[in-house]
Amino acid sequence: MEHFARWIVKRRKLILVLAVLLLIPSVFGALGTYINYDILTYLPKDLDSMIGETYLEDDFNMASVSMITVENMSTPDTLKLKSDLEGVEGVQKVMWTSDFIDVTTPKEMLPSDIQKFFYNDSGATMLIVQFDAPSADARTMNAQKQIKNILNKDCFIGGMSAILEDTKSLINKEMPLYILCAVGASLLILFLSLKETIVPLIFMLGMLFPIVYNFGTNIFLGQISYITEALATVLQLGVTMDFSIFLLHRYEEEKRTAASDEDAMVAAIKKTFSSITGSSLTTIAGFLAMCTMQLTLGEDIGVVMAKGVLLGVICTITVLPSLIMTFRRAIEKHTHRTFIPKLKRTSNFVVKHRVPILIAFIIIFIPFFIAQSKTSVYYTIFDALPQDLPGIAGTNLKEDFDMTTSHFIIVDDTLSEKSLSDLSDELSGVDGIHQVLSYEKFVGGAIPEMFIPDDVRDIFEAGGHKMILANSSYKSGSDEQNNQLSEMIDIVKKYDPNGVITGEGAMTKDLIEVADVDFNNVNITSIIVVFVIIAIVFRSASVPVLLVAAIESAIMINLGIPYFTGTTLPFITSIVIGTIQLGATVDYAILMTTRFREERNAGHTAKEAAQIAVEQCSQSILTSGLTFFAATFSVSLVSRMELIGVLCKLISRGALISMAVILLVLPALLVITEPILRKTTFHWLKKPEITEKKA
């Protein structure tokens, strides 16, 4: 490692040139990475709802649909609008009553369910727009933009495609603000905590490289979700900043005894690499634990963040030393006083009152432990978006047509007309179902079959399947809708064992069931992998128990707070927050425990070692923790996306709670359990003759 470190110091200009050149392909890679705005597409492909989506896309060419509600518009103007919409690139078909009967024919000639589908009681009518590509596809997004330019003030567009396009526009607008806030807030904390005035700027310059590399290499993943895109920069900044802080502090320490600045940096690289290896492995493992989720959104976030941490480590021992050595004269020249002190009084207080602190912590912890399992969660993705978005407003107008949610029932086309009719009748009898549409509704209506256009048959029969559309008055994700869907699934399976139900409601129901399993899988996996890594690093059976328990208690307190504040969390936050908080803040626990062990090996008593550990580690922990807090909390203040805002708020709060637990509770635990640590850790004390001094 020394040869490598010396090569870095010697070839620092070459490293910086190569680092800058690598930014070029990374930028192109980032621009070329597809961003997926549809979380429901991350559901397992073998679910009935996802199989149904494949049928809709491949057989019925209904990969994505939007509903346009038209008010106060004459028939000629509506026909003109329909024609304009059909001319939009990416639009496959626009359906209205003119496709079924002549516009001069009274609408009363239509079957009652068809009338209710296209007209409401106030006289407004609805046009159905079918697109060539799936909802989150770039072609559909572009078509949505053009449609919005065509519509006037009395037209409202809704549906999944419209909402996803609104989501994309909002994210693209807010992303620069997220980065600006995170960088600005982090710079403020670094300026307050580091005496070197320009070091915060160098740190941010150093972070630019791994962040851009991370986004650039995402192109090899094929795509990333908009949630990953929005969070990756902020999380990577907060999680890996402590590596930079460790390198700087070690470099300053080595300068006191080294023959030259170059020798000091070589020693700093060697020792920083060894010290951050264990902490980075736990962070990487924590993020990779998300890959165990059935909802592949976890894999999306986990892989990108694990890759970001790895790139952060590599750049910390290559690019950052090169930057520090290049600007070392300016660093030494410009200094100021720091405002984040070493917690000397706190260290004395913690050691002296260790037992009362632990008792108080347990008393505080118990109600939060109980509360965290009772925190309310919602699964409807659209609820996490600003409700004034045009797509949300337009979708809500579906309620005026008694179609709060639409279910697509797909069965084999060998099903007889009688069976299909009986199936439709049974579905109509399910509570909350207001409309059931099928081809048989036209055949059995007042319109002779010979006058029904082929396009109508193609809507309901294609690719060896028949489709029934059932409109529900219940909201996706609600208990009423989930019970309704369970009843409907039983009915469909009775007529066709291979029949499926899809649509937003069915996919949301599957999402709820998948998320419940994922929550347990991710938590258990992350705890196990972090436990194993800590056990290997410390060669101990007890240290991982202590450190994981400390962080997990902080996580439970964090997740218990929403119960007492009456906050309902988006489902994804409850799944990933534990893993993120564990992976990001277990470093603090490792740092504290490592320093405690060093001081014990230096001949200090357990109480003295804990006091020194708190005092010496406090600045690094406070700087890192507050930087992580500032980066994420600032984003939570400006984000209109509730999913992003709530997740960042939980992460920022989790950083503070973990920081408090590590600085106040862990040292007390280390002192009390030190005899156990000694017996259950291989060479806890390197010198067997070291014994506890009497205080």
Foldseek 3Di string as FASTA:
>chain_A
DLVVLLVLLVCLVVLQVVLVVVLVLLLVLLVPAAAFADLLVLFFCPDLQNVVLVCCVPWLLQLDKKKKKFPPDDPVVVVVLLVVLCPQQFWDHKDACVQFDPPVDPPVQAFPLNCLQQAFPVGIGMIMIGGNHHLRDPRLLVSLVVSVVSDDPRMFMAGSSNVSSLVVVQLVVCLVVLLVQLLVLLLVLCCQQFFQNCVSVLLVVLLVSLLSNLSSVCVVVRHAYSLLVSCQSLLLCLQLSLLLVQLVVQLVVQVVPDPDSSRSNSVSLVVSLVLCVLLLQLLLQLLCLLCPFSSCNSVRNSVSNSSSSVSSSVSSSRNSSSSCSVCVVSRVVGTHDHNQAQPLVLLVVQLVCLPVLQVVLVVVLVLLLVQLVVFAAFAQQCVLFPCPRSHNVSLVCVVSSLFVWKKKKKAFPVQDPVLVVVLQVVLCPQPFWDHKDFPVSCCPGSHPPVSGDPVRVSNQDTDRMGIMMIGGNDHARDPSLLVSVVVSLVSSCVRHVSMGMYGRNVSSSSVVVSLVVLQVSSLVSSLVSSLVSVCVSQVFDCLSVLLSVLLVSLLSSLSSVCSVVVDYAHSVLSRSVSSSLSSRLSSLLSQLLVQLLVVLLVQAALSVSLSVSSRVSVSSLCSSLSSSLSSLQSSLVPRSRNNSNVSSNSNSSSSVSSSCSSNRNSSSVCNVCVVVRVVGTDCSHVDVVRDHDDD
